[in-house]
Amino acid sequence: MRRFLLALLLGTLSLAAAEDPFPAPPGLQAFARQATLAEWGTRAKASHLLKAIFAPPSKGGLGMTYDDTYTRTVAEAWRDRKANCLTLTAFYIAACRSIGLEARFGESLRVSLWRRVGNTIRNERHVVAILPTGNLQQQLVADFLPELRRGSQMIAPMDPKRALALFYSNRAVELLEGLHTQAALAEAQKSIDVDPSSSVGLNILGVVQRDQGQMVAAEASFRQALKVDPKDGAACGNLEALLRSEGRTAEAEVYRERGLEVRKDDPYFNAFLAQEALENLDLKEARSRIKRAIRLLPQEPEFHLIQARVFLAEGNSKAAIRSLERAQRWASPLEQSRFASKIALLRARKP
C-alpha cells in the first residue's frame, strides 16, 4: 500500500529540546558579528556571511559541511558543524538575524520533490531563505538544495507559524519512520496546534493514526486535511489508499481521480511517476509521464535524464543522446561534466 506524506524538512527537534528550534546559540551570534564586521550593506553582509559559514576554519570560517544523516536544529548544526540543505536554511536565517538582517523563510510555489522511502511516498516542498534589499522588486535568495534549478522557482514569503508547524510535521515523519508512533502523534498534534490552517499536520496525523490501526480517526484526519486544503494531493492519496484497503473501491476511485487531477500540472510528480513506471518496465506510461514533465518544466536537466533512460530501455540510443545533450544544456556548470561523461559513454557504445 502506498502512503503519501507531505513534509517540509527544516530540521528535527530532539525529544528533550526547547520548543523553538530556530534561535541562534550565542556562539553563532558572535561568529556572525565577527565575520561581517568589516562589511557594509545588506548584500555585502549576507554574501560574506554565507561564504564564512562554509569557509574552512583555517580561513576563519565555520567549515560547515553537508550531511544528510538526519536533519538538525540550528543549535545542533552549530555544535556539529554539519547539516543537510534544509537545516542550513534555518541556520543561515538565524545567523542573519544575529547581525540585524531581516532574513525569513520563503517557499517555492512551483517546486516539490516526490520521493519513495520504503513503502512511503513523500512530497517535500522546498524552502529557501529570503532577504529584502530595500527594492520592492528584488530580494536576495539563499537556496541550499542543489538538486533544484534556481531559475525554475517562484518564491513567496512564508508565515513564521507555517515554518514552525512544518518543523513539527517533519519531526513527526522522522519519528514515524523510526517506529516511535506515540511520539510522532504528539509532534503531529503540535503542528496542528501551531497552524490549524495547514493541512500538513492533519495529513501526517492521519498517517500515524492509520499505522496505529485507528482507521476511523485516520479517515477523519485525511478528510479534515482536504477540507482545509482541497488541493492537498498527499492527503488525497492517503484517503484513497485507506478506502481501498477497506474494500471501498468506488469511494477510493473518486479520490484517485481527484488526486491525479490535483497533481497533473506538477512536473516533479509526473517525473516521479515516470521513474516508477520505468522501474516497472511500463515504458509507454514512463514515456508519456516524462514527456508531460518536460512540457511543464523544460529547463529541468533531471527530467531529460529520465527521458534518456526511457529511450535506452526502448533501445533508442540516438534519442537518448539527444535527451542527455538537452540535460547538459540546462545543467549548472558543476553538473555539465556529469552529463558529458554519460554522452561520451553512450557514443562509445553505439555500433
Protein backbone atom coordinates (compact mmCIF):
# COMPACT_ATOMS: atom_id res chain seq x y z
CA MET A 1 0.00 0.00 0.00
CA ARG A 2 1.33 3.43 -0.88
CA ARG A 3 1.36 6.07 1.80
CA PHE A 4 1.63 9.76 1.00
CA LEU A 5 3.34 12.13 3.40
CA LEU A 6 3.78 15.84 2.90
CA ALA A 7 6.69 17.21 4.87
CA LEU A 8 8.78 20.33 4.76
CA LEU A 9 12.17 19.38 6.15
CA LEU A 10 13.50 22.23 8.24
CA GLY A 11 15.37 20.28 10.90
CA THR A 12 14.41 17.87 13.63
CA LEU A 13 13.52 18.50 17.23
CA SER A 14 15.14 16.23 19.79
CA LEU A 15 12.74 14.96 22.38
CA ALA A 16 14.40 16.98 25.11
CA ALA A 17 14.84 20.17 23.05
CA ALA A 18 13.20 23.51 23.68
CA GLU A 19 10.00 24.41 21.89
CA ASP A 20 11.60 26.81 19.40
CA PRO A 21 14.21 25.02 17.26
CA PHE A 22 15.34 28.06 15.28
CA PRO A 23 17.19 30.60 17.52
CA ALA A 24 20.93 31.09 17.06
CA PRO A 25 23.06 29.94 20.00
CA PRO A 26 25.39 32.60 21.48
CA GLY A 27 28.41 31.19 19.66
CA LEU A 28 26.75 31.55 16.27
CA GLN A 29 25.65 35.09 17.08
CA ALA A 30 29.20 36.07 17.95
CA PHE A 31 30.58 34.38 14.84
CA ALA A 32 28.11 36.16 12.57
CA ARG A 33 29.01 39.57 14.05
CA GLN A 34 32.75 38.94 13.76
CA ALA A 35 32.52 37.59 10.20
CA THR A 36 30.68 40.66 8.90
CA LEU A 37 32.33 43.36 10.99
CA ALA A 38 34.06 44.97 8.01
CA GLU A 39 31.11 44.70 5.62
CA TRP A 40 28.52 47.38 4.81
CA GLY A 41 25.06 46.95 3.32
CA THR A 42 22.65 44.04 3.20
CA ARG A 43 24.04 42.39 0.08
CA ALA A 44 27.67 42.53 1.22
CA LYS A 45 26.91 41.28 4.73
CA ALA A 46 24.63 38.49 3.53
CA SER A 47 27.13 37.31 0.91
CA HIS A 48 30.14 37.44 3.23
CA LEU A 49 28.28 35.61 5.99
CA LEU A 50 27.28 32.85 3.58
CA LYS A 51 30.87 32.38 2.46
CA ALA A 52 32.15 32.41 6.05
CA ILE A 53 29.77 29.64 7.08
CA PHE A 54 31.32 27.27 4.53
CA ALA A 55 34.91 28.53 4.55
CA PRO A 56 37.41 26.23 6.32
CA PRO A 57 38.47 27.13 9.88
CA SER A 58 41.99 27.84 8.60
CA LYS A 59 40.49 30.81 6.75
CA GLY A 60 38.32 31.98 9.62
CA GLY A 61 35.18 30.10 8.60
CA LEU A 62 32.98 27.53 10.28
CA GLY A 63 33.83 24.73 7.87
CA MET A 64 30.18 23.74 7.65
CA THR A 65 29.72 20.57 5.62
CA TYR A 66 26.72 18.93 4.04
CA ASP A 67 25.42 15.92 5.92
CA ASP A 68 22.13 14.19 5.19
CA THR A 69 22.29 11.67 8.02
CA TYR A 70 19.47 13.44 9.78
CA THR A 71 18.14 16.99 9.96
CA ARG A 72 19.39 19.07 12.85
CA THR A 73 18.20 22.07 14.81
CA VAL A 74 20.17 25.31 14.49
CA ALA A 75 21.93 24.60 17.78
CA GLU A 76 22.81 21.06 16.67
CA ALA A 77 24.17 22.32 13.36
CA TRP A 78 26.34 24.82 15.23
CA ARG A 79 27.59 22.08 17.53
CA ASP A 80 28.29 19.53 14.79
CA ARG A 81 29.39 21.91 12.01
CA LYS A 82 27.30 19.86 9.62
CA ALA A 83 23.75 19.90 8.34
CA ASN A 84 21.64 18.96 5.38
CA CYS A 85 20.46 21.62 2.95
CA LEU A 86 17.19 22.18 4.77
CA THR A 87 18.66 22.71 8.21
CA LEU A 88 21.10 25.09 6.57
CA THR A 89 18.20 27.34 5.61
CA ALA A 90 17.17 27.76 9.24
CA PHE A 91 20.83 28.10 10.28
CA TYR A 92 21.50 30.88 7.78
CA ILE A 93 18.34 32.78 8.73
CA ALA A 94 19.31 32.62 12.41
CA ALA A 95 22.83 33.88 11.61
CA CYS A 96 21.47 36.75 9.50
CA ARG A 97 19.10 37.85 12.24
CA SER A 98 22.05 37.91 14.65
CA ILE A 99 23.50 40.82 12.68
CA GLY A 100 20.25 42.68 12.09
CA LEU A 101 19.39 41.32 8.64
CA GLU A 102 15.68 40.60 8.29
CA ALA A 103 16.04 37.18 6.75
CA ARG A 104 12.97 34.96 6.71
CA PHE A 105 11.72 31.70 5.32
CA GLY A 106 10.43 31.60 1.79
CA GLU A 107 8.64 28.85 -0.08
CA SER A 108 8.94 27.85 -3.71
CA LEU A 109 5.47 27.86 -5.24
CA ARG A 110 6.42 25.72 -8.23
CA VAL A 111 8.81 23.15 -6.83
CA SER A 112 8.09 19.98 -4.91
CA LEU A 113 10.07 16.77 -4.75
CA TRP A 114 8.47 13.33 -4.68
CA ARG A 115 10.49 10.52 -3.17
CA ARG A 116 9.87 6.93 -2.18
CA VAL A 117 11.15 5.88 1.26
CA GLY A 118 10.35 2.21 1.75
CA ASN A 119 6.60 1.90 1.28
CA THR A 120 6.08 5.61 1.79
CA ILE A 121 5.83 8.24 -0.91
CA ARG A 122 6.83 11.67 0.35
CA ASN A 123 6.14 15.06 -1.15
CA GLU A 124 8.65 17.62 0.09
CA ARG A 125 8.03 21.29 -0.55
CA HIS A 126 11.09 23.49 -0.97
CA VAL A 127 12.20 26.19 1.46
CA VAL A 128 14.72 28.98 0.93
CA ALA A 129 16.00 31.97 2.89
CA ILE A 130 15.00 35.37 1.54
CA LEU A 131 16.34 38.81 2.43
CA PRO A 132 14.75 42.11 1.36
CA THR A 133 17.15 44.58 -0.29
CA GLY A 134 15.09 47.75 0.05
CA ASN A 135 14.00 47.44 -3.58
CA LEU A 136 10.42 46.13 -3.67
CA GLN A 137 11.14 44.36 -6.96
CA GLN A 138 14.19 42.49 -5.70
CA GLN A 139 15.11 40.14 -2.89
CA LEU A 140 18.15 38.03 -2.15
CA VAL A 141 17.53 34.27 -2.12
CA ALA A 142 19.78 31.72 -0.41
CA ASP A 143 19.00 28.23 -1.69
CA PHE A 144 20.68 25.23 -0.10
CA LEU A 145 19.18 22.43 -2.19
CA PRO A 146 21.49 21.76 -5.15
CA GLU A 147 19.04 19.28 -6.74
CA LEU A 148 16.74 22.13 -7.75
CA ARG A 149 17.15 24.58 -10.56
CA ARG A 150 17.01 28.05 -9.09
CA GLY A 151 15.69 29.55 -12.29
CA SER A 152 12.55 27.44 -12.14
CA GLN A 153 11.29 28.83 -8.86
CA MET A 154 8.72 31.41 -7.83
CA ILE A 155 9.43 32.40 -4.23
CA ALA A 156 6.88 33.68 -1.73
CA PRO A 157 7.42 34.65 1.93
CA MET A 158 6.37 32.02 4.43
CA ASP A 159 4.35 32.79 7.54
CA PRO A 160 6.54 32.07 10.61
CA LYS A 161 3.71 29.96 12.05
CA ARG A 162 3.79 27.77 8.97
CA ALA A 163 7.54 27.27 9.22
CA LEU A 164 7.25 26.19 12.85
CA ALA A 165 4.24 23.95 12.12
CA LEU A 166 6.11 22.29 9.29
CA PHE A 167 9.08 21.72 11.58
CA TYR A 168 6.86 19.71 13.92
CA SER A 169 5.35 17.85 10.98
CA ASN A 170 8.80 16.88 9.84
CA ARG A 171 9.63 15.66 13.31
CA ALA A 172 6.50 13.53 13.24
CA VAL A 173 7.61 11.98 9.95
CA GLU A 174 11.04 11.10 11.31
CA LEU A 175 9.61 9.61 14.48
CA LEU A 176 7.10 7.60 12.49
CA GLU A 177 9.85 6.20 10.29
CA GLY A 178 11.69 5.26 13.49
CA LEU A 179 8.55 3.43 14.68
CA HIS A 180 8.06 5.86 17.58
CA THR A 181 4.37 6.25 16.86
CA GLN A 182 3.28 7.80 20.15
CA ALA A 183 5.94 10.50 19.93
CA ALA A 184 5.05 11.03 16.25
CA LEU A 185 1.42 11.51 17.25
CA ALA A 186 2.41 14.22 19.74
CA GLU A 187 4.54 16.10 17.19
CA ALA A 188 1.81 15.96 14.55
CA GLN A 189 -0.61 17.44 17.07
CA LYS A 190 1.87 20.26 17.79
CA SER A 191 1.91 21.07 14.10
CA ILE A 192 -1.87 21.36 14.05
CA ASP A 193 -1.90 23.47 17.22
CA VAL A 194 0.67 25.91 15.82
CA ASP A 195 -1.02 26.34 12.44
CA PRO A 196 -4.57 24.98 12.17
CA SER A 197 -4.82 26.44 8.66
CA SER A 198 -2.23 23.98 7.31
CA SER A 199 -3.31 20.57 6.04
CA VAL A 200 0.17 19.10 6.54
CA GLY A 201 -0.14 18.26 10.23
CA LEU A 202 -3.61 16.78 9.73
CA ASN A 203 -2.36 14.59 6.90
CA ILE A 204 0.55 13.25 8.92
CA LEU A 205 -1.67 12.78 11.97
CA GLY A 206 -3.85 10.57 9.80
CA VAL A 207 -0.85 8.52 8.67
CA VAL A 208 0.22 7.96 12.28
CA GLN A 209 -3.31 7.02 13.31
CA ARG A 210 -3.54 4.57 10.44
CA ASP A 211 -0.26 2.95 11.50
CA GLN A 212 -1.77 2.51 14.96
CA GLY A 213 -4.84 0.84 13.48
CA GLN A 214 -7.13 3.79 14.24
CA MET A 215 -8.78 3.71 10.85
CA VAL A 216 -11.85 5.79 11.69
CA ALA A 217 -9.72 8.53 13.24
CA ALA A 218 -7.28 8.40 10.32
CA GLU A 219 -10.06 8.80 7.77
CA ALA A 220 -11.41 11.78 9.70
CA SER A 221 -7.94 13.39 9.73
CA PHE A 222 -7.47 12.94 5.99
CA ARG A 223 -10.92 14.36 5.28
CA GLN A 224 -10.23 17.33 7.54
CA ALA A 225 -6.91 17.92 5.74
CA LEU A 226 -8.76 18.05 2.43
CA LYS A 227 -11.35 20.37 3.93
CA VAL A 228 -8.55 22.75 4.97
CA ASP A 229 -6.77 22.40 1.61
CA PRO A 230 -8.81 20.73 -1.17
CA LYS A 231 -5.67 20.59 -3.33
CA ASP A 232 -3.55 18.60 -0.89
CA GLY A 233 -2.52 15.72 -3.12
CA ALA A 234 -0.81 13.85 -0.29
CA ALA A 235 -3.95 13.73 1.86
CA CYS A 236 -5.97 12.76 -1.21
CA GLY A 237 -3.64 9.84 -1.92
CA ASN A 238 -3.72 8.73 1.70
CA LEU A 239 -7.50 8.74 1.82
CA GLU A 240 -7.65 6.77 -1.42
CA ALA A 241 -5.28 4.13 -0.01
CA LEU A 242 -7.23 3.85 3.23
CA LEU A 243 -10.56 3.41 1.44
CA ARG A 244 -9.09 0.85 -0.92
CA SER A 245 -7.62 -1.15 1.98
CA GLU A 246 -11.13 -1.40 3.44
CA GLY A 247 -12.63 -2.60 0.17
CA ARG A 248 -14.44 0.68 -0.51
CA THR A 249 -13.29 0.66 -4.11
CA ALA A 250 -15.86 3.04 -5.58
CA GLU A 251 -15.06 5.72 -2.99
CA ALA A 252 -11.33 5.13 -3.46
CA GLU A 253 -11.61 5.69 -7.21
CA VAL A 254 -13.20 9.08 -6.60
CA TYR A 255 -10.15 10.20 -4.62
CA ARG A 256 -7.75 8.58 -7.05
CA GLU A 257 -9.17 10.67 -9.88
CA ARG A 258 -9.23 13.75 -7.67
CA GLY A 259 -5.61 13.22 -6.69
CA LEU A 260 -4.46 12.80 -10.28
CA GLU A 261 -6.34 15.94 -11.26
CA VAL A 262 -4.75 17.94 -8.42
CA ARG A 263 -1.25 16.81 -9.34
CA LYS A 264 -1.50 16.68 -13.13
CA ASP A 265 0.35 20.00 -13.53
CA ASP A 266 3.10 19.18 -11.03
CA PRO A 267 6.13 18.43 -13.23
CA TYR A 268 8.00 16.74 -10.39
CA PHE A 269 5.11 14.40 -9.66
CA ASN A 270 4.91 13.44 -13.33
CA ALA A 271 8.65 12.78 -13.33
CA PHE A 272 8.24 10.65 -10.21
CA LEU A 273 5.50 8.61 -11.92
CA ALA A 274 7.76 8.23 -14.95
CA GLN A 275 10.51 6.76 -12.80
CA GLU A 276 8.04 4.41 -11.11
CA ALA A 277 6.73 3.27 -14.49
CA LEU A 278 10.27 2.78 -15.80
CA GLU A 279 11.13 0.59 -12.81
CA ASN A 280 8.01 -1.47 -13.56
CA LEU A 281 9.00 -1.67 -17.26
CA ASP A 282 5.84 0.17 -18.28
CA LEU A 283 7.67 2.12 -20.97
CA LYS A 284 4.57 3.59 -22.57
CA GLU A 285 3.49 5.17 -19.27
CA ALA A 286 7.05 6.26 -18.49
CA ARG A 287 7.39 7.94 -21.89
CA SER A 288 4.07 9.73 -21.51
CA ARG A 289 4.72 10.96 -17.97
CA ILE A 290 8.24 12.26 -18.58
CA LYS A 291 7.10 13.97 -21.77
CA ARG A 292 4.48 15.82 -19.74
CA ALA A 293 7.00 16.74 -17.05
CA ILE A 294 9.32 18.23 -19.67
CA ARG A 295 6.48 20.11 -21.30
CA LEU A 296 5.63 21.65 -17.92
CA LEU A 297 9.23 22.45 -16.98
CA PRO A 298 11.65 22.06 -19.93
CA GLN A 299 14.66 23.56 -18.12
CA GLU A 300 14.95 20.73 -15.56
CA PRO A 301 18.01 18.60 -16.50
CA GLU A 302 16.93 15.61 -14.42
CA PHE A 303 13.75 15.27 -16.47
CA HIS A 304 15.79 14.93 -19.64
CA LEU A 305 17.98 12.36 -17.89
CA ILE A 306 14.89 10.27 -17.06
CA GLN A 307 13.76 10.58 -20.66
CA ALA A 308 17.17 9.34 -21.79
CA ARG A 309 16.76 6.28 -19.57
CA VAL A 310 13.35 5.60 -21.11
CA PHE A 311 14.83 5.80 -24.61
CA LEU A 312 17.65 3.46 -23.60
CA ALA A 313 15.15 0.95 -22.24
CA GLU A 314 13.46 1.11 -25.64
CA GLY A 315 16.81 0.53 -27.39
CA ASN A 316 16.96 4.02 -28.91
CA SER A 317 20.50 5.21 -28.15
CA LYS A 318 20.35 8.08 -30.64
CA ALA A 319 17.30 9.62 -28.93
CA ALA A 320 18.88 9.01 -25.51
CA ILE A 321 21.96 11.00 -26.54
CA ARG A 322 19.76 13.88 -27.71
CA SER A 323 18.00 13.92 -24.32
CA LEU A 324 21.32 13.93 -22.49
CA GLU A 325 22.52 16.82 -24.64
CA ARG A 326 19.43 18.79 -23.62
CA ALA A 327 20.09 17.89 -19.97
CA GLN A 328 23.65 19.14 -20.33
CA ARG A 329 22.45 22.38 -21.91
CA TRP A 330 20.21 23.21 -18.93
CA ALA A 331 22.58 21.90 -16.23
CA SER A 332 24.68 24.08 -13.95
CA PRO A 333 28.42 24.30 -14.77
CA LEU A 334 29.20 21.82 -11.99
CA GLU A 335 26.74 19.27 -13.40
CA GLN A 336 27.64 19.58 -17.07
CA SER A 337 30.64 17.27 -16.79
CA ARG A 338 28.39 14.52 -15.40
CA PHE A 339 26.16 14.65 -18.46
CA ALA A 340 29.17 14.94 -20.78
CA SER A 341 30.52 11.67 -19.36
CA LYS A 342 27.21 9.91 -19.95
CA ILE A 343 27.05 11.18 -23.52
CA ALA A 344 30.62 10.01 -24.19
CA LEU A 345 29.85 6.54 -22.83
CA LEU A 346 26.75 6.20 -24.98
CA ARG A 347 28.54 7.33 -28.12
CA ALA A 348 31.30 4.81 -27.43
CA ARG A 349 28.71 2.04 -27.17
CA LYS A 350 26.97 2.90 -30.44
CA PRO A 351 27.70 0.38 -33.23
